[in-house]
Amino acid sequence: LTARSAPDCIVENYLFADVGVFIAPGGTGKTTLILHESICIALGLPLYGLEVKKPVPVMILTAEDSREMLVARLRAISAAMGLTDDQRRKVCEHVLISDVSGAGFKLTVVDHDVVRPAPGIEEIIAGCKAIKPVLIVVDPAVSFGVGESRVNDAEQGLIEAARRLRRALNCCVRYVHHTGKQ
């Protein structure tokens, strides 16, 4: 009687506590769009005219852009949106950025020739329990997997890792993925 047919809604008709992928060619503004969405979610502002149902923290795991660059871009987007000082403070508190570039941090590992979620997943879960993010953005997906030598297994491993995060934290886990520019 208590079974639900859909996960929690974060943004009306757009974002749910589930696994998702945001895919576009490099240089088309994926990160800028993700940062804008993160600001709206953190502040509970309408996103594309849709109601934000769960306005709480967003966690961005980046292995591409430095934390400093993303903070500077958040600042520029906040200014362009005309946010108040109080709203900018809330953005700083609720859009959390973890830069793991160059650290070799992976969400998956190869264990006995099988791609599995890495032990680092448990570290993320433990660190996020108190934060309770509604959205975890992983950018770019390719940097968090085991490589392209076994594409299907590597992609499935990332999905399994995201499902573990989703189950433990009841949040959306969204991978940012690059396609070719052709």
N, C-alpha and C. Protein backbone atom coordinates (compact mmCIF):
# COMPACT_ATOMS: atom_id res chain seq x y z
N LEU A 1 0.81 -1.22 0.00
CA LEU A 1 0.00 0.00 0.00
C LEU A 1 0.85 1.27 0.00
N THR A 2 2.08 1.17 0.43
CA THR A 2 2.91 2.38 0.48
C THR A 2 3.88 2.49 -0.70
N ALA A 3 3.83 1.53 -1.62
CA ALA A 3 4.72 1.57 -2.78
C ALA A 3 4.41 2.80 -3.64
N ARG A 4 5.49 3.44 -4.10
CA ARG A 4 5.34 4.65 -4.91
C ARG A 4 5.68 4.34 -6.37
N SER A 5 5.01 4.99 -7.28
CA SER A 5 5.24 4.73 -8.70
C SER A 5 6.30 5.64 -9.31
N ALA A 6 6.77 6.64 -8.55
CA ALA A 6 7.77 7.56 -9.09
C ALA A 6 8.69 8.04 -7.96
N PRO A 7 9.93 8.38 -8.29
CA PRO A 7 10.83 8.91 -7.26
C PRO A 7 10.43 10.33 -6.88
N ASP A 8 11.04 10.84 -5.81
CA ASP A 8 10.76 12.21 -5.38
C ASP A 8 11.05 13.19 -6.52
N CYS A 9 10.21 14.20 -6.61
CA CYS A 9 10.36 15.22 -7.64
C CYS A 9 11.21 16.37 -7.07
N ILE A 10 12.23 16.77 -7.80
CA ILE A 10 13.08 17.89 -7.39
C ILE A 10 12.64 19.15 -8.13
N VAL A 11 12.50 19.06 -9.45
CA VAL A 11 11.97 20.15 -10.26
C VAL A 11 10.81 19.58 -11.06
N GLU A 12 9.67 20.23 -10.92
CA GLU A 12 8.43 19.79 -11.55
C GLU A 12 8.64 19.36 -13.01
N ASN A 13 8.25 18.13 -13.31
CA ASN A 13 8.29 17.59 -14.67
C ASN A 13 9.66 17.63 -15.34
N TYR A 14 10.73 17.73 -14.54
CA TYR A 14 12.06 17.85 -15.15
C TYR A 14 13.13 17.03 -14.46
N LEU A 15 13.22 17.11 -13.14
CA LEU A 15 14.32 16.48 -12.42
C LEU A 15 13.78 15.70 -11.23
N PHE A 16 14.18 14.43 -11.15
CA PHE A 16 13.69 13.53 -10.11
C PHE A 16 14.86 12.88 -9.38
N ALA A 17 14.60 12.31 -8.22
CA ALA A 17 15.63 11.59 -7.45
C ALA A 17 15.90 10.28 -8.17
N ASP A 18 16.69 10.38 -9.23
CA ASP A 18 16.98 9.24 -10.08
C ASP A 18 18.33 9.47 -10.75
N VAL A 19 18.72 8.61 -11.64
CA VAL A 19 19.99 8.73 -12.36
C VAL A 19 19.71 9.38 -13.70
N GLY A 20 20.54 10.36 -14.08
CA GLY A 20 20.36 11.02 -15.36
C GLY A 20 21.69 11.38 -16.00
N VAL A 21 21.61 11.75 -17.27
CA VAL A 21 22.79 12.14 -18.02
C VAL A 21 22.46 13.41 -18.80
N PHE A 22 23.39 14.34 -18.80
CA PHE A 22 23.27 15.58 -19.56
C PHE A 22 24.38 15.54 -20.60
N ILE A 23 24.01 15.41 -21.89
CA ILE A 23 24.98 15.16 -22.94
C ILE A 23 24.94 16.26 -23.98
N ALA A 24 26.12 16.76 -24.36
CA ALA A 24 26.25 17.74 -25.44
C ALA A 24 27.71 17.82 -25.85
N PRO A 25 27.97 18.38 -27.03
CA PRO A 25 29.37 18.55 -27.45
C PRO A 25 30.12 19.48 -26.52
N GLY A 26 31.44 19.31 -26.46
CA GLY A 26 32.28 20.18 -25.66
C GLY A 26 32.16 21.63 -26.11
N GLY A 27 32.22 22.55 -25.16
CA GLY A 27 32.19 23.97 -25.47
C GLY A 27 30.82 24.55 -25.78
N THR A 28 29.76 23.79 -25.52
CA THR A 28 28.41 24.30 -25.83
C THR A 28 27.69 24.91 -24.63
N GLY A 29 28.33 24.90 -23.46
CA GLY A 29 27.73 25.55 -22.29
C GLY A 29 27.09 24.61 -21.29
N LYS A 30 27.47 23.34 -21.32
CA LYS A 30 26.88 22.38 -20.37
C LYS A 30 27.12 22.80 -18.93
N THR A 31 28.35 23.15 -18.60
CA THR A 31 28.67 23.51 -17.22
C THR A 31 27.96 24.79 -16.82
N THR A 32 27.89 25.76 -17.71
CA THR A 32 27.18 27.01 -17.41
C THR A 32 25.71 26.72 -17.12
N LEU A 33 25.10 25.88 -17.93
CA LEU A 33 23.70 25.53 -17.72
C LEU A 33 23.51 24.78 -16.40
N ILE A 34 24.43 23.86 -16.10
CA ILE A 34 24.36 23.12 -14.83
C ILE A 34 24.49 24.09 -13.65
N LEU A 35 25.39 25.06 -13.75
CA LEU A 35 25.55 26.03 -12.66
C LEU A 35 24.30 26.88 -12.49
N HIS A 36 23.70 27.30 -13.59
CA HIS A 36 22.44 28.06 -13.51
C HIS A 36 21.34 27.23 -12.85
N GLU A 37 21.21 25.99 -13.28
CA GLU A 37 20.21 25.11 -12.68
C GLU A 37 20.48 24.92 -11.19
N SER A 38 21.75 24.77 -10.83
CA SER A 38 22.12 24.58 -9.42
C SER A 38 21.73 25.78 -8.58
N ILE A 39 21.94 26.97 -9.11
CA ILE A 39 21.56 28.20 -8.40
C ILE A 39 20.05 28.22 -8.17
N CYS A 40 19.27 27.94 -9.22
CA CYS A 40 17.81 27.94 -9.08
C CYS A 40 17.33 26.90 -8.08
N ILE A 41 17.93 25.71 -8.12
CA ILE A 41 17.54 24.66 -7.18
C ILE A 41 17.91 25.05 -5.76
N ALA A 42 19.11 25.58 -5.57
CA ALA A 42 19.55 25.95 -4.23
C ALA A 42 18.69 27.06 -3.63
N LEU A 43 18.20 27.96 -4.48
CA LEU A 43 17.40 29.08 -3.98
C LEU A 43 15.89 28.83 -4.06
N GLY A 44 15.50 27.76 -4.72
CA GLY A 44 14.07 27.49 -4.88
C GLY A 44 13.42 28.41 -5.90
N LEU A 45 14.22 28.96 -6.82
CA LEU A 45 13.69 29.82 -7.87
C LEU A 45 13.14 28.97 -9.01
N PRO A 46 12.10 29.43 -9.69
CA PRO A 46 11.59 28.65 -10.82
C PRO A 46 12.71 28.37 -11.83
N LEU A 47 12.72 27.16 -12.35
CA LEU A 47 13.72 26.74 -13.33
C LEU A 47 12.98 26.45 -14.63
N TYR A 48 13.25 27.25 -15.65
CA TYR A 48 12.56 27.14 -16.94
C TYR A 48 11.04 27.25 -16.75
N GLY A 49 10.63 28.04 -15.78
CA GLY A 49 9.21 28.23 -15.49
C GLY A 49 8.60 27.10 -14.68
N LEU A 50 9.42 26.16 -14.25
CA LEU A 50 8.93 25.01 -13.48
C LEU A 50 9.25 25.20 -12.00
N GLU A 51 8.36 24.70 -11.15
CA GLU A 51 8.53 24.84 -9.71
C GLU A 51 9.62 23.91 -9.18
N VAL A 52 10.50 24.45 -8.37
CA VAL A 52 11.49 23.64 -7.67
C VAL A 52 10.80 23.10 -6.42
N LYS A 53 10.63 21.79 -6.38
CA LYS A 53 9.90 21.14 -5.28
C LYS A 53 10.77 20.88 -4.06
N LYS A 54 12.08 20.68 -4.28
CA LYS A 54 13.00 20.39 -3.18
C LYS A 54 14.21 21.31 -3.28
N PRO A 55 14.10 22.52 -2.75
CA PRO A 55 15.22 23.48 -2.84
C PRO A 55 16.24 23.30 -1.71
N VAL A 56 17.15 22.40 -1.91
CA VAL A 56 18.21 22.21 -0.93
C VAL A 56 19.55 22.07 -1.65
N PRO A 57 20.61 21.73 -0.98
CA PRO A 57 21.95 21.77 -1.57
C PRO A 57 22.14 20.92 -2.83
N VAL A 58 23.07 21.41 -3.63
CA VAL A 58 23.54 20.72 -4.83
C VAL A 58 25.03 20.46 -4.62
N MET A 59 25.46 19.26 -4.97
CA MET A 59 26.88 18.89 -4.88
C MET A 59 27.39 18.69 -6.30
N ILE A 60 28.48 19.36 -6.62
CA ILE A 60 29.11 19.19 -7.93
C ILE A 60 30.47 18.55 -7.73
N LEU A 61 30.66 17.37 -8.32
CA LEU A 61 31.96 16.69 -8.32
C LEU A 61 32.60 16.98 -9.67
N THR A 62 33.69 17.70 -9.67
CA THR A 62 34.34 18.06 -10.92
C THR A 62 35.74 17.46 -11.02
N ALA A 63 36.01 16.92 -12.20
CA ALA A 63 37.36 16.45 -12.49
C ALA A 63 37.87 17.16 -13.74
N GLU A 64 37.19 18.25 -14.08
CA GLU A 64 37.56 18.99 -15.29
C GLU A 64 37.92 20.43 -14.97
N ASP A 65 36.97 21.19 -14.47
CA ASP A 65 37.20 22.59 -14.11
C ASP A 65 37.59 22.68 -12.64
N SER A 66 38.47 23.59 -12.32
CA SER A 66 38.86 23.75 -10.92
C SER A 66 37.72 24.35 -10.12
N ARG A 67 37.75 24.13 -8.82
CA ARG A 67 36.75 24.71 -7.93
C ARG A 67 36.76 26.23 -8.07
N GLU A 68 37.95 26.82 -8.12
CA GLU A 68 38.07 28.27 -8.24
C GLU A 68 37.35 28.78 -9.50
N MET A 69 37.55 28.10 -10.63
CA MET A 69 36.88 28.53 -11.86
C MET A 69 35.37 28.42 -11.75
N LEU A 70 34.90 27.34 -11.15
CA LEU A 70 33.45 27.16 -11.02
C LEU A 70 32.85 28.18 -10.07
N VAL A 71 33.56 28.50 -8.99
CA VAL A 71 33.08 29.53 -8.07
C VAL A 71 33.00 30.87 -8.79
N ALA A 72 34.01 31.20 -9.59
CA ALA A 72 34.01 32.45 -10.34
C ALA A 72 32.84 32.48 -11.33
N ARG A 73 32.56 31.36 -11.95
CA ARG A 73 31.43 31.30 -12.88
C ARG A 73 30.10 31.40 -12.15
N LEU A 74 30.00 30.78 -10.98
CA LEU A 74 28.79 30.93 -10.16
C LEU A 74 28.57 32.40 -9.81
N ARG A 75 29.66 33.08 -9.44
CA ARG A 75 29.58 34.49 -9.10
C ARG A 75 29.09 35.31 -10.30
N ALA A 76 29.62 35.05 -11.48
CA ALA A 76 29.21 35.78 -12.68
C ALA A 76 27.75 35.50 -13.05
N ILE A 77 27.33 34.24 -12.95
CA ILE A 77 25.94 33.89 -13.25
C ILE A 77 25.01 34.54 -12.23
N SER A 78 25.39 34.52 -10.96
CA SER A 78 24.58 35.15 -9.91
C SER A 78 24.41 36.63 -10.18
N ALA A 79 25.48 37.29 -10.61
CA ALA A 79 25.41 38.72 -10.92
C ALA A 79 24.49 38.95 -12.12
N ALA A 80 24.63 38.12 -13.15
CA ALA A 80 23.79 38.25 -14.34
C ALA A 80 22.32 38.01 -14.03
N MET A 81 22.05 37.18 -13.04
CA MET A 81 20.67 36.91 -12.62
C MET A 81 20.12 38.02 -11.73
N GLY A 82 20.97 38.94 -11.30
CA GLY A 82 20.54 40.03 -10.43
C GLY A 82 20.21 39.58 -9.02
N LEU A 83 20.93 38.59 -8.53
CA LEU A 83 20.65 38.07 -7.19
C LEU A 83 21.05 39.08 -6.12
N THR A 84 20.33 39.06 -5.02
CA THR A 84 20.64 39.92 -3.88
C THR A 84 21.86 39.36 -3.15
N ASP A 85 22.43 40.16 -2.25
CA ASP A 85 23.56 39.68 -1.45
C ASP A 85 23.18 38.46 -0.64
N ASP A 86 21.96 38.45 -0.08
CA ASP A 86 21.50 37.30 0.70
C ASP A 86 21.38 36.06 -0.18
N GLN A 87 20.86 36.22 -1.38
CA GLN A 87 20.75 35.09 -2.30
C GLN A 87 22.13 34.57 -2.71
N ARG A 88 23.08 35.48 -2.93
CA ARG A 88 24.44 35.06 -3.29
C ARG A 88 25.09 34.29 -2.15
N ARG A 89 24.83 34.72 -0.92
CA ARG A 89 25.35 34.00 0.24
C ARG A 89 24.78 32.58 0.28
N LYS A 90 23.48 32.46 0.02
CA LYS A 90 22.84 31.14 0.01
C LYS A 90 23.40 30.26 -1.10
N VAL A 91 23.70 30.85 -2.24
CA VAL A 91 24.31 30.08 -3.33
C VAL A 91 25.65 29.53 -2.86
N CYS A 92 26.45 30.35 -2.20
CA CYS A 92 27.75 29.90 -1.68
C CYS A 92 27.60 28.77 -0.67
N GLU A 93 26.54 28.81 0.11
CA GLU A 93 26.31 27.79 1.14
C GLU A 93 25.70 26.51 0.58
N HIS A 94 24.92 26.61 -0.51
CA HIS A 94 24.13 25.47 -0.97
C HIS A 94 24.53 24.89 -2.32
N VAL A 95 25.48 25.51 -3.01
CA VAL A 95 26.04 24.90 -4.21
C VAL A 95 27.47 24.53 -3.84
N LEU A 96 27.67 23.26 -3.54
CA LEU A 96 28.94 22.77 -3.02
C LEU A 96 29.75 22.14 -4.14
N ILE A 97 31.01 22.51 -4.21
CA ILE A 97 31.86 22.04 -5.31
C ILE A 97 33.05 21.28 -4.74
N SER A 98 33.22 20.06 -5.20
CA SER A 98 34.36 19.24 -4.81
C SER A 98 35.20 18.97 -6.04
N ASP A 99 36.41 19.52 -6.06
CA ASP A 99 37.32 19.38 -7.18
C ASP A 99 38.24 18.19 -6.93
N VAL A 100 38.08 17.14 -7.72
CA VAL A 100 38.92 15.95 -7.58
C VAL A 100 39.85 15.79 -8.78
N SER A 101 39.98 16.85 -9.58
CA SER A 101 40.83 16.75 -10.77
C SER A 101 42.27 16.46 -10.36
N GLY A 102 42.86 15.52 -11.06
CA GLY A 102 44.24 15.14 -10.79
C GLY A 102 44.43 14.24 -9.59
N ALA A 103 43.36 13.93 -8.88
CA ALA A 103 43.47 13.11 -7.67
C ALA A 103 43.31 11.62 -7.96
N GLY A 104 42.92 11.29 -9.17
CA GLY A 104 42.72 9.88 -9.50
C GLY A 104 41.47 9.29 -8.89
N PHE A 105 40.55 10.14 -8.42
CA PHE A 105 39.32 9.66 -7.79
C PHE A 105 38.40 9.08 -8.86
N LYS A 106 37.92 7.88 -8.64
CA LYS A 106 37.02 7.20 -9.57
C LYS A 106 35.78 6.71 -8.84
N LEU A 107 34.68 6.63 -9.56
CA LEU A 107 33.45 6.06 -9.00
C LEU A 107 33.35 4.56 -9.26
N THR A 108 34.21 4.07 -10.17
CA THR A 108 34.20 2.64 -10.47
C THR A 108 35.62 2.09 -10.47
N VAL A 109 35.71 0.78 -10.29
CA VAL A 109 36.99 0.07 -10.34
C VAL A 109 36.75 -1.26 -11.06
N VAL A 110 37.84 -1.85 -11.53
CA VAL A 110 37.76 -3.20 -12.09
C VAL A 110 38.20 -4.15 -10.99
N ASP A 111 37.30 -5.06 -10.61
CA ASP A 111 37.55 -6.01 -9.54
C ASP A 111 37.28 -7.41 -10.08
N HIS A 112 38.33 -8.23 -10.17
CA HIS A 112 38.21 -9.58 -10.73
C HIS A 112 37.56 -9.54 -12.11
N ASP A 113 38.02 -8.62 -12.94
CA ASP A 113 37.58 -8.45 -14.32
C ASP A 113 36.13 -7.98 -14.46
N VAL A 114 35.56 -7.44 -13.39
CA VAL A 114 34.20 -6.91 -13.42
C VAL A 114 34.25 -5.45 -12.95
N VAL A 115 33.56 -4.58 -13.69
CA VAL A 115 33.50 -3.17 -13.29
C VAL A 115 32.46 -3.02 -12.19
N ARG A 116 32.90 -2.44 -11.09
CA ARG A 116 32.03 -2.28 -9.91
C ARG A 116 32.16 -0.86 -9.36
N PRO A 117 31.17 -0.43 -8.57
CA PRO A 117 31.32 0.85 -7.87
C PRO A 117 32.56 0.82 -6.97
N ALA A 118 33.28 1.92 -6.93
CA ALA A 118 34.51 2.02 -6.14
C ALA A 118 34.19 2.28 -4.67
N PRO A 119 35.14 1.97 -3.79
CA PRO A 119 34.95 2.26 -2.36
C PRO A 119 34.69 3.75 -2.09
N GLY A 120 35.14 4.62 -2.99
CA GLY A 120 34.91 6.06 -2.84
C GLY A 120 33.44 6.44 -2.76
N ILE A 121 32.58 5.57 -3.28
CA ILE A 121 31.13 5.82 -3.21
C ILE A 121 30.70 5.94 -1.75
N GLU A 122 31.23 5.06 -0.91
CA GLU A 122 30.86 5.10 0.51
C GLU A 122 31.36 6.39 1.17
N GLU A 123 32.50 6.89 0.72
CA GLU A 123 33.01 8.17 1.24
C GLU A 123 32.08 9.32 0.87
N ILE A 124 31.59 9.30 -0.37
CA ILE A 124 30.66 10.34 -0.81
C ILE A 124 29.38 10.26 0.01
N ILE A 125 28.87 9.05 0.18
CA ILE A 125 27.62 8.87 0.95
C ILE A 125 27.81 9.39 2.37
N ALA A 126 28.90 9.00 3.02
CA ALA A 126 29.16 9.45 4.39
C ALA A 126 29.27 10.97 4.46
N GLY A 127 29.97 11.56 3.51
CA GLY A 127 30.14 13.01 3.50
C GLY A 127 28.87 13.76 3.19
N CYS A 128 27.98 13.13 2.43
CA CYS A 128 26.75 13.82 2.02
C CYS A 128 25.56 13.58 2.95
N LYS A 129 25.68 12.63 3.88
CA LYS A 129 24.55 12.33 4.78
C LYS A 129 24.07 13.58 5.50
N ALA A 130 24.98 14.38 6.02
CA ALA A 130 24.60 15.59 6.75
C ALA A 130 24.16 16.71 5.81
N ILE A 131 24.74 16.74 4.62
CA ILE A 131 24.44 17.81 3.65
C ILE A 131 23.07 17.61 3.03
N LYS A 132 22.73 16.35 2.74
CA LYS A 132 21.46 15.97 2.11
C LYS A 132 21.23 16.68 0.78
N PRO A 133 22.14 16.50 -0.18
CA PRO A 133 21.93 17.14 -1.48
C PRO A 133 20.76 16.52 -2.22
N VAL A 134 20.05 17.34 -3.01
CA VAL A 134 18.99 16.81 -3.85
C VAL A 134 19.53 16.47 -5.23
N LEU A 135 20.71 17.02 -5.54
CA LEU A 135 21.33 16.79 -6.83
C LEU A 135 22.84 16.65 -6.65
N ILE A 136 23.39 15.59 -7.24
CA ILE A 136 24.84 15.42 -7.32
C ILE A 136 25.18 15.41 -8.80
N VAL A 137 25.98 16.38 -9.22
CA VAL A 137 26.42 16.48 -10.61
C VAL A 137 27.83 15.91 -10.69
N VAL A 138 28.08 15.03 -11.65
CA VAL A 138 29.39 14.43 -11.85
C VAL A 138 29.88 14.86 -13.23
N ASP A 139 30.95 15.67 -13.26
CA ASP A 139 31.38 16.32 -14.50
C ASP A 139 32.89 16.21 -14.69
N PRO A 140 33.32 15.60 -15.78
CA PRO A 140 32.62 14.83 -16.80
C PRO A 140 32.60 13.34 -16.43
N ALA A 141 31.61 12.65 -16.93
CA ALA A 141 31.43 11.24 -16.59
C ALA A 141 32.67 10.41 -16.89
N VAL A 142 33.30 10.67 -18.03
CA VAL A 142 34.44 9.86 -18.46
C VAL A 142 35.59 9.90 -17.44
N SER A 143 35.73 10.97 -16.71
CA SER A 143 36.82 11.09 -15.74
C SER A 143 36.60 10.26 -14.49
N PHE A 144 35.40 9.76 -14.29
CA PHE A 144 35.07 9.04 -13.06
C PHE A 144 34.92 7.53 -13.28
N GLY A 145 35.14 7.08 -14.52
CA GLY A 145 35.02 5.67 -14.83
C GLY A 145 36.37 5.00 -15.01
N VAL A 146 36.32 3.76 -15.48
CA VAL A 146 37.54 2.96 -15.62
C VAL A 146 38.17 3.07 -17.00
N GLY A 147 37.63 3.90 -17.86
CA GLY A 147 38.21 4.07 -19.18
C GLY A 147 37.33 3.49 -20.27
N GLU A 148 37.85 3.55 -21.49
CA GLU A 148 37.04 3.17 -22.64
C GLU A 148 37.42 1.82 -23.23
N SER A 149 38.26 1.05 -22.56
CA SER A 149 38.65 -0.24 -23.11
C SER A 149 37.49 -1.24 -23.05
N ARG A 150 36.55 -1.01 -22.18
CA ARG A 150 35.35 -1.86 -22.06
C ARG A 150 34.15 -0.93 -21.86
N VAL A 151 33.74 -0.28 -22.93
CA VAL A 151 32.77 0.80 -22.88
C VAL A 151 31.48 0.42 -22.19
N ASN A 152 30.84 -0.65 -22.61
CA ASN A 152 29.55 -1.02 -22.02
C ASN A 152 29.66 -1.32 -20.53
N ASP A 153 30.67 -2.07 -20.15
CA ASP A 153 30.87 -2.39 -18.73
C ASP A 153 31.18 -1.13 -17.94
N ALA A 154 32.00 -0.25 -18.51
CA ALA A 154 32.37 0.98 -17.81
C ALA A 154 31.14 1.86 -17.59
N GLU A 155 30.30 1.99 -18.61
CA GLU A 155 29.09 2.81 -18.47
C GLU A 155 28.12 2.19 -17.47
N GLN A 156 27.97 0.88 -17.51
CA GLN A 156 27.08 0.22 -16.55
C GLN A 156 27.61 0.38 -15.14
N GLY A 157 28.91 0.34 -14.96
CA GLY A 157 29.50 0.56 -13.64
C GLY A 157 29.18 1.95 -13.10
N LEU A 158 29.24 2.95 -13.97
CA LEU A 158 28.89 4.31 -13.54
C LEU A 158 27.41 4.39 -13.15
N ILE A 159 26.56 3.71 -13.90
CA ILE A 159 25.13 3.70 -13.56
C ILE A 159 24.92 3.02 -12.21
N GLU A 160 25.59 1.92 -11.96
CA GLU A 160 25.46 1.23 -10.68
C GLU A 160 25.97 2.10 -9.53
N ALA A 161 27.05 2.82 -9.76
CA ALA A 161 27.57 3.73 -8.73
C ALA A 161 26.55 4.83 -8.44
N ALA A 162 25.96 5.38 -9.49
CA ALA A 162 24.95 6.43 -9.32
C ALA A 162 23.71 5.90 -8.60
N ARG A 163 23.33 4.69 -8.92
CA ARG A 163 22.16 4.09 -8.24
C ARG A 163 22.43 3.91 -6.75
N ARG A 164 23.66 3.55 -6.41
CA ARG A 164 24.00 3.40 -4.99
C ARG A 164 23.88 4.76 -4.29
N LEU A 165 24.39 5.80 -4.92
CA LEU A 165 24.27 7.15 -4.34
C LEU A 165 22.80 7.56 -4.22
N ARG A 166 22.04 7.32 -5.28
CA ARG A 166 20.62 7.68 -5.28
C ARG A 166 19.87 6.98 -4.15
N ARG A 167 20.12 5.69 -4.02
CA ARG A 167 19.43 4.91 -2.97
C ARG A 167 19.78 5.42 -1.58
N ALA A 168 21.05 5.68 -1.35
CA ALA A 168 21.51 6.08 -0.02
C ALA A 168 21.10 7.50 0.33
N LEU A 169 21.03 8.39 -0.67
CA LEU A 169 20.83 9.82 -0.40
C LEU A 169 19.49 10.37 -0.91
N ASN A 170 18.72 9.54 -1.63
CA ASN A 170 17.45 9.97 -2.22
C ASN A 170 17.62 11.27 -3.00
N CYS A 171 18.57 11.25 -3.93
CA CYS A 171 18.84 12.44 -4.73
C CYS A 171 18.98 12.07 -6.19
N CYS A 172 19.02 13.08 -7.03
CA CYS A 172 19.32 12.87 -8.44
C CYS A 172 20.83 12.82 -8.59
N VAL A 173 21.33 11.86 -9.33
CA VAL A 173 22.73 11.81 -9.69
C VAL A 173 22.78 12.00 -11.19
N ARG A 174 23.41 13.08 -11.60
CA ARG A 174 23.40 13.46 -13.02
C ARG A 174 24.82 13.55 -13.55
N TYR A 175 25.11 12.71 -14.52
CA TYR A 175 26.41 12.74 -15.18
C TYR A 175 26.39 13.76 -16.31
N VAL A 176 27.48 14.49 -16.45
CA VAL A 176 27.67 15.37 -17.59
C VAL A 176 28.61 14.62 -18.53
N HIS A 177 28.18 14.47 -19.79
CA HIS A 177 28.95 13.68 -20.74
C HIS A 177 29.19 14.48 -22.01
N HIS A 178 30.39 14.37 -22.53
CA HIS A 178 30.78 15.08 -23.76
C HIS A 178 30.54 14.17 -24.96
N THR A 179 30.07 14.77 -26.04
CA THR A 179 30.03 14.08 -27.33
C THR A 179 31.02 14.78 -28.24
N GLY A 180 31.24 14.23 -29.41
CA GLY A 180 32.11 14.88 -30.38
C GLY A 180 31.48 16.16 -30.90
N LYS A 181 32.30 17.02 -31.46
CA LYS A 181 31.79 18.30 -31.99
C LYS A 181 31.30 18.20 -33.44
N GLN A 182 31.52 17.03 -34.10
CA GLN A 182 31.10 16.91 -35.48
C GLN A 182 29.59 16.90 -35.60
